[in-house]
Amino acid sequence: MAAVSPSFCEEQFLCCICLEVYTDPCTTERHRDHQTVSLKEEGEEQQATLKLQIKDRRVKVQEIQRSVEQSQRKAEAEKQEGLIVFKALVECVQQRADSFKQSIAEKQQKVKEEASQLIEQIQTEISELEQREAEMEQLWTSGDHLHFVQTFTTVRPAPRLSDWSENTIRTPSYKGTGAQAVSELRNQLNTEIETFFEAELEKVEGKTGWEVGVAKVSVDRKQSVGSQTVQKGYWTLRMDNGDYQTSDDRPVALFLQSRPENVGVFVDRDEGLVSFYDADIASLLHSFTDCGFTENVLPLFNPCGNMYGMNSAPLVLTHIGS
């Protein structure tokens, strides 16, 4: 059968070996064993493949964008938490600096007060002596030396004066005040830092990442978490550093009041339902409805990566009674 020019009103076939187009399947001796395909079916398949490739890439773009958004949320949360700690440390330093300056100022003020009291007492004596000196000069100018001596010896003898030779201001030792303040600061900072690390360790005592749920028998349950969606046959709940989200085609973020320690998974095949519960308080976390199971499903448990020991705790499977 000779090749013919394409016609839009006749079904056409392509010989997969010689790549010639026919209006009927190839039956000549030359092409009898050659495989042929319908051009219409081939074209439709290529278009479907292209659409799927576009869709997969759009889903991947959305997945990347969600990862960036999630990363941004985590970065902002960690930054704010870190800034709170740094603020507390800076306040410790400032408080100790203020206390150090106050200690120095108080010692110096005490010196000033003691000096002021001594000066006031000495000035009182100086005033008395200056007054006596003026009286002596006045009487001395009279020339009556006998009267002068009698007056300032018996009538107005010299006032009793203090011996100031032993009185002095003892300057306090400021040496070591700075070292003591820094030592106290170090102890306080160590306490604040230890408190911070204890709080951080409490966050990672349990799992920092996990995934639980069910998946179709036909799918790869070891596929990367980001590629597992309901559309592909995965119904799961995931936790990553305290963030909870579902495997919906557009993941739903769950804002839980507390972190569940035991998560229960309930599947009702007839109703097309997959539900997740906080098993300790029997509280519903999330439900997938209208799942429309077309095949059997298997449990999916993913402890996620070790994260350098931060997620080393095991994912323990336990039976939850009805």
Protein backbone atom coordinates (compact mmCIF):
# COMPACT_ATOMS: atom_id res chain seq x y z
CA MET A 1 0.00 0.00 0.00
CA ALA A 2 1.44 3.31 -1.06
CA ALA A 3 1.82 6.21 1.33
CA VAL A 4 -0.76 8.96 0.95
CA SER A 5 -0.79 12.58 1.90
CA PRO A 6 -2.40 13.36 5.25
CA SER A 7 -6.13 13.85 5.24
CA PHE A 8 -8.12 15.39 8.07
CA CYS A 9 -11.18 13.26 7.35
CA GLU A 10 -9.53 9.83 7.48
CA GLU A 11 -7.91 8.08 10.41
CA GLN A 12 -4.18 7.94 9.90
CA PHE A 13 -1.53 5.58 11.17
CA LEU A 14 2.22 5.95 11.57
CA CYS A 15 4.65 3.11 10.89
CA CYS A 16 6.99 3.10 13.88
CA ILE A 17 9.82 1.61 11.78
CA CYS A 18 9.79 3.53 8.51
CA LEU A 19 7.84 6.52 9.89
CA GLU A 20 5.49 6.53 6.88
CA VAL A 21 1.87 7.63 7.26
CA TYR A 22 -1.02 5.40 6.09
CA THR A 23 -4.78 5.68 6.10
CA ASP A 24 -5.08 2.02 7.11
CA PRO A 25 -2.90 -0.21 9.26
CA CYS A 26 0.09 -1.39 7.27
CA THR A 27 -0.59 -4.82 5.71
CA THR A 28 1.95 -4.97 2.86
CA GLU A 29 4.68 -7.58 2.93
CA ARG A 30 7.30 -4.91 3.51
CA HIS A 31 5.61 -3.45 6.58
CA ARG A 32 3.59 -6.43 7.80
CA ASP A 33 5.70 -6.91 10.95
CA HIS A 34 6.03 -3.21 11.63
CA GLN A 35 4.17 -1.70 14.57
CA THR A 36 1.83 1.13 13.74
CA VAL A 37 0.06 3.64 15.92
CA SER A 38 -2.92 5.86 15.37
CA LEU A 39 -1.78 9.42 14.75
CA LYS A 40 -4.83 10.68 16.61
CA GLU A 41 -4.08 8.54 19.63
CA GLU A 42 -0.38 9.42 19.46
CA GLY A 43 -1.18 13.13 19.29
CA GLU A 44 -3.64 12.91 22.16
CA GLU A 45 -1.12 10.96 24.22
CA GLN A 46 1.62 13.51 23.54
CA GLN A 47 -0.70 16.37 24.53
CA ALA A 48 -1.73 14.53 27.71
CA THR A 49 1.91 13.86 28.53
CA LEU A 50 2.76 17.50 27.97
CA LYS A 51 -0.10 18.67 30.18
CA LEU A 52 1.02 16.27 32.91
CA GLN A 53 4.60 17.53 32.62
CA ILE A 54 3.38 21.10 32.94
CA LYS A 55 1.17 20.21 35.89
CA ASP A 56 3.95 18.31 37.66
CA ARG A 57 6.27 21.28 37.27
CA ARG A 58 3.65 23.70 38.51
CA VAL A 59 3.13 21.49 41.54
CA LYS A 60 6.90 21.48 42.02
CA VAL A 61 7.02 25.27 41.83
CA GLN A 62 4.25 25.46 44.44
CA GLU A 63 6.15 22.98 46.60
CA ILE A 64 9.29 25.10 46.37
CA GLN A 65 7.34 28.26 47.14
CA ARG A 66 5.76 26.59 50.17
CA SER A 67 9.21 25.49 51.32
CA VAL A 68 10.45 29.07 51.03
CA GLU A 69 7.43 30.37 52.96
CA GLN A 70 7.86 27.73 55.64
CA SER A 71 11.57 28.52 55.84
CA GLN A 72 10.74 32.21 56.19
CA ARG A 73 8.31 31.51 59.04
CA LYS A 74 10.84 29.37 60.84
CA ALA A 75 13.61 31.89 60.27
CA GLU A 76 11.47 34.72 61.65
CA ALA A 77 10.41 32.66 64.67
CA GLU A 78 13.99 31.65 65.42
CA LYS A 79 15.19 35.23 64.96
CA GLN A 80 12.60 36.60 67.34
CA GLU A 81 13.37 33.94 69.92
CA GLY A 82 17.10 34.58 69.59
CA LEU A 83 16.62 38.34 69.91
CA ILE A 84 14.71 37.82 73.15
CA VAL A 85 17.68 35.91 74.55
CA PHE A 86 20.18 38.50 73.33
CA LYS A 87 18.04 41.27 74.80
CA ALA A 88 18.04 39.50 78.15
CA LEU A 89 21.82 39.12 78.01
CA VAL A 90 22.30 42.77 77.08
CA GLU A 91 20.04 43.78 79.98
CA CYS A 92 22.19 41.66 82.31
CA VAL A 93 25.31 43.46 81.12
CA GLN A 94 23.67 46.87 81.47
CA GLN A 95 22.34 46.09 84.95
CA ARG A 96 25.76 44.93 86.12
CA ALA A 97 27.43 47.99 84.57
CA ASP A 98 24.95 50.27 86.35
CA SER A 99 25.49 48.39 89.61
CA PHE A 100 29.28 48.71 89.18
CA LYS A 101 29.07 52.46 88.62
CA GLN A 102 26.67 52.84 91.55
CA SER A 103 29.05 50.96 93.84
CA ILE A 104 31.94 53.27 92.91
CA ALA A 105 29.74 56.34 93.26
CA GLU A 106 28.50 55.27 96.71
CA LYS A 107 32.05 54.78 97.99
CA GLN A 108 33.11 58.16 96.65
CA GLN A 109 30.04 59.82 98.16
CA LYS A 110 30.90 58.36 101.55
CA VAL A 111 34.40 59.85 101.26
CA LYS A 112 32.92 63.25 100.42
CA GLU A 113 30.53 63.14 103.37
CA GLU A 114 33.27 62.20 105.84
CA ALA A 115 35.55 64.89 104.45
CA SER A 116 32.75 67.44 104.67
CA GLN A 117 32.17 66.65 108.36
CA LEU A 118 35.87 66.96 109.20
CA ILE A 119 36.24 70.20 107.26
CA GLU A 120 33.21 71.64 109.04
CA GLN A 121 34.73 70.84 112.46
CA ILE A 122 38.13 72.26 111.50
CA GLN A 123 36.53 75.38 110.03
CA THR A 124 34.71 75.93 113.35
CA GLU A 125 38.03 75.88 115.20
CA ILE A 126 39.60 78.16 112.58
CA SER A 127 36.81 80.66 113.10
CA GLU A 128 37.32 80.61 116.88
CA LEU A 129 41.10 81.04 116.48
CA GLU A 130 40.69 83.87 113.97
CA GLN A 131 38.38 85.68 116.40
CA ARG A 132 40.96 85.22 119.24
CA GLU A 133 43.68 86.46 116.89
CA ALA A 134 41.74 89.66 116.18
CA GLU A 135 41.18 90.26 119.89
CA MET A 136 44.90 89.71 120.60
CA GLU A 137 45.92 92.20 117.92
CA GLN A 138 43.55 94.81 119.32
CA LEU A 139 44.81 94.41 122.91
CA TRP A 140 48.44 94.21 121.81
CA THR A 141 48.30 97.57 120.12
CA SER A 142 47.45 99.17 123.48
CA GLY A 143 50.99 98.52 124.66
CA ASP A 144 49.90 97.07 128.01
CA HIS A 145 51.71 93.80 127.75
CA LEU A 146 50.90 92.77 131.33
CA HIS A 147 47.19 93.17 130.72
CA PHE A 148 47.58 91.23 127.45
CA VAL A 149 49.22 88.27 129.15
CA GLN A 150 46.80 88.25 132.07
CA THR A 151 43.79 88.44 129.75
CA PHE A 152 44.75 85.62 127.38
CA THR A 153 46.23 83.44 130.09
CA THR A 154 43.64 83.51 132.85
CA VAL A 155 40.62 85.57 131.77
CA ARG A 156 40.35 84.17 128.24
CA PRO A 157 42.58 81.16 128.07
CA ALA A 158 43.19 79.35 124.79
CA PRO A 159 40.25 77.17 123.65
CA ARG A 160 40.55 73.43 123.76
CA LEU A 161 41.51 72.32 120.27
CA SER A 162 41.33 68.93 118.64
CA ASP A 163 44.47 67.14 117.56
CA TRP A 164 43.90 66.75 113.84
CA SER A 165 47.25 65.07 113.21
CA GLU A 166 45.69 61.64 113.60
CA ASN A 167 42.52 62.47 111.69
CA THR A 168 42.53 61.78 107.96
CA ILE A 169 40.26 60.58 105.21
CA ARG A 170 40.86 56.98 104.42
CA THR A 171 40.41 56.52 100.70
CA PRO A 172 38.57 53.23 100.04
CA SER A 173 40.22 50.65 97.89
CA TYR A 174 38.59 50.54 94.49
CA LYS A 175 40.91 47.82 93.33
CA GLY A 176 39.09 44.65 92.37
CA THR A 177 35.68 46.31 92.20
CA GLY A 178 35.61 45.95 88.42
CA ALA A 179 36.84 42.35 88.57
CA GLN A 180 34.15 41.48 91.11
CA ALA A 181 31.45 43.09 88.96
CA VAL A 182 32.63 41.15 85.90
CA SER A 183 32.71 37.91 87.90
CA GLU A 184 29.13 38.48 89.06
CA LEU A 185 28.16 39.30 85.49
CA ARG A 186 29.73 36.09 84.25
CA ASN A 187 27.78 34.04 86.78
CA GLN A 188 24.53 35.75 85.83
CA LEU A 189 25.19 35.33 82.11
CA ASN A 190 26.02 31.66 82.63
CA THR A 191 22.71 31.20 84.42
CA GLU A 192 20.81 32.93 81.61
CA ILE A 193 22.62 30.93 78.93
CA GLU A 194 22.07 27.62 80.75
CA THR A 195 18.39 28.46 81.07
CA PHE A 196 18.27 29.13 77.32
CA PHE A 197 19.98 25.85 76.44
CA GLU A 198 17.74 23.91 78.80
CA ALA A 199 14.73 25.40 77.05
CA GLU A 200 16.20 24.47 73.67
CA LEU A 201 16.89 20.91 74.81
CA GLU A 202 13.32 20.56 76.03
CA LYS A 203 12.19 21.30 72.49
CA VAL A 204 14.11 18.35 71.07
CA GLU A 205 13.53 15.78 73.79
CA GLY A 206 10.89 14.20 71.55
CA LYS A 207 10.64 14.05 67.78
CA THR A 208 11.31 17.20 65.78
CA GLY A 209 9.97 15.64 62.59
CA TRP A 210 7.69 12.76 61.60
CA GLU A 211 4.97 11.70 59.17
CA VAL A 212 2.12 9.24 59.75
CA GLY A 213 -0.89 8.16 57.72
CA VAL A 214 -1.81 5.76 54.95
CA ALA A 215 -0.96 5.36 51.26
CA LYS A 216 -2.19 3.35 48.28
CA VAL A 217 -0.64 -0.07 47.81
CA SER A 218 0.57 0.92 44.35
CA VAL A 219 2.58 3.99 45.40
CA ASP A 220 6.12 4.23 46.71
CA ARG A 221 5.86 4.91 50.43
CA LYS A 222 9.54 5.89 50.52
CA GLN A 223 9.00 8.79 48.16
CA SER A 224 10.16 12.18 49.46
CA VAL A 225 7.70 13.83 51.84
CA GLY A 226 7.30 16.90 49.65
CA SER A 227 6.14 14.77 46.71
CA GLN A 228 3.47 12.90 48.66
CA THR A 229 0.03 14.36 48.01
CA VAL A 230 -3.56 13.18 48.25
CA GLN A 231 -3.83 13.25 44.47
CA LYS A 232 -0.98 10.74 44.25
CA GLY A 233 -2.50 8.47 46.90
CA TYR A 234 -1.03 9.70 50.21
CA TRP A 235 -3.14 10.75 53.20
CA THR A 236 -0.71 11.84 55.88
CA LEU A 237 -0.08 14.27 58.72
CA ARG A 238 3.41 15.74 59.01
CA MET A 239 5.33 17.58 61.72
CA ASP A 240 8.49 19.55 61.14
CA ASN A 241 9.99 21.51 64.04
CA GLY A 242 6.62 22.15 65.59
CA ASP A 243 4.86 22.98 62.30
CA TYR A 244 2.00 20.64 61.40
CA GLN A 245 0.54 20.26 57.93
CA THR A 246 -1.42 17.81 55.82
CA SER A 247 -0.57 16.11 52.54
CA ASP A 248 -3.34 17.90 50.66
CA ASP A 249 -2.41 18.98 47.16
CA ARG A 250 -2.23 22.42 48.74
CA PRO A 251 -1.00 21.52 52.25
CA VAL A 252 -3.13 22.77 55.12
CA ALA A 253 -1.21 24.18 58.09
CA LEU A 254 -2.60 23.08 61.44
CA PHE A 255 -2.28 25.41 64.41
CA LEU A 256 -2.52 23.14 67.45
CA GLN A 257 -2.85 24.36 71.02
CA SER A 258 -0.46 21.68 72.24
CA ARG A 259 1.97 19.23 70.69
CA PRO A 260 0.44 15.73 70.60
CA GLU A 261 2.67 13.01 72.01
CA ASN A 262 0.56 10.12 70.68
CA VAL A 263 -1.18 10.46 67.32
CA GLY A 264 -3.98 8.06 66.42
CA VAL A 265 -4.80 7.23 62.78
CA PHE A 266 -8.34 6.04 61.97
CA VAL A 267 -9.35 4.75 58.51
CA ASP A 268 -12.93 4.06 57.36
CA ARG A 269 -12.62 2.59 53.86
CA ASP A 270 -16.37 2.48 53.22
CA GLU A 271 -16.85 6.12 54.18
CA GLY A 272 -13.63 7.22 52.44
CA LEU A 273 -12.35 8.75 55.69
CA VAL A 274 -8.87 9.13 57.22
CA SER A 275 -8.74 10.91 60.58
CA PHE A 276 -5.93 11.86 62.94
CA TYR A 277 -6.41 12.27 66.70
CA ASP A 278 -4.44 13.36 69.72
CA ALA A 279 -4.82 9.97 71.35
CA ASP A 280 -4.08 11.25 74.88
CA ILE A 281 -7.04 13.63 74.97
CA ALA A 282 -9.20 12.11 72.19
CA SER A 283 -9.08 15.38 70.24
CA LEU A 284 -9.51 15.46 66.46
CA LEU A 285 -6.52 16.96 64.69
CA HIS A 286 -7.57 16.63 61.03
CA SER A 287 -9.72 14.50 58.70
CA PHE A 288 -9.49 13.66 55.01
CA THR A 289 -13.02 13.07 53.64
CA ASP A 290 -14.29 11.69 50.34
CA CYS A 291 -11.01 9.83 49.83
CA GLY A 292 -12.63 7.49 47.30
CA PHE A 293 -10.29 4.55 47.84
CA THR A 294 -9.92 2.60 44.59
CA GLU A 295 -7.45 0.12 46.03
CA ASN A 296 -6.17 -1.10 49.36
CA VAL A 297 -4.12 1.24 51.54
CA LEU A 298 -1.14 0.52 53.78
CA PRO A 299 0.14 2.33 56.87
CA LEU A 300 2.81 4.96 56.28
CA PHE A 301 5.19 5.78 59.12
CA ASN A 302 8.17 8.06 58.53
CA PRO A 303 10.48 8.99 61.44
CA CYS A 304 12.25 11.52 59.15
CA GLY A 305 15.96 12.28 59.19
CA ASN A 306 18.22 12.24 62.24
CA MET A 307 19.10 15.94 61.84
CA TYR A 308 22.51 15.56 63.54
CA GLY A 309 20.92 14.00 66.59
CA MET A 310 18.15 16.58 66.96
CA ASN A 311 15.57 14.04 65.72
CA SER A 312 17.16 10.86 67.02
CA ALA A 313 14.21 9.83 69.19
CA PRO A 314 12.38 6.79 67.75
CA LEU A 315 8.90 6.85 66.24
CA VAL A 316 7.11 4.35 68.49
CA LEU A 317 4.10 2.42 67.19
CA THR A 318 1.47 1.48 69.76
CA HIS A 319 -2.02 0.02 69.65
CA ILE A 320 -4.84 2.41 70.54
CA GLY A 321 -7.96 0.76 71.84
CA SER A 322 -11.40 1.79 70.63
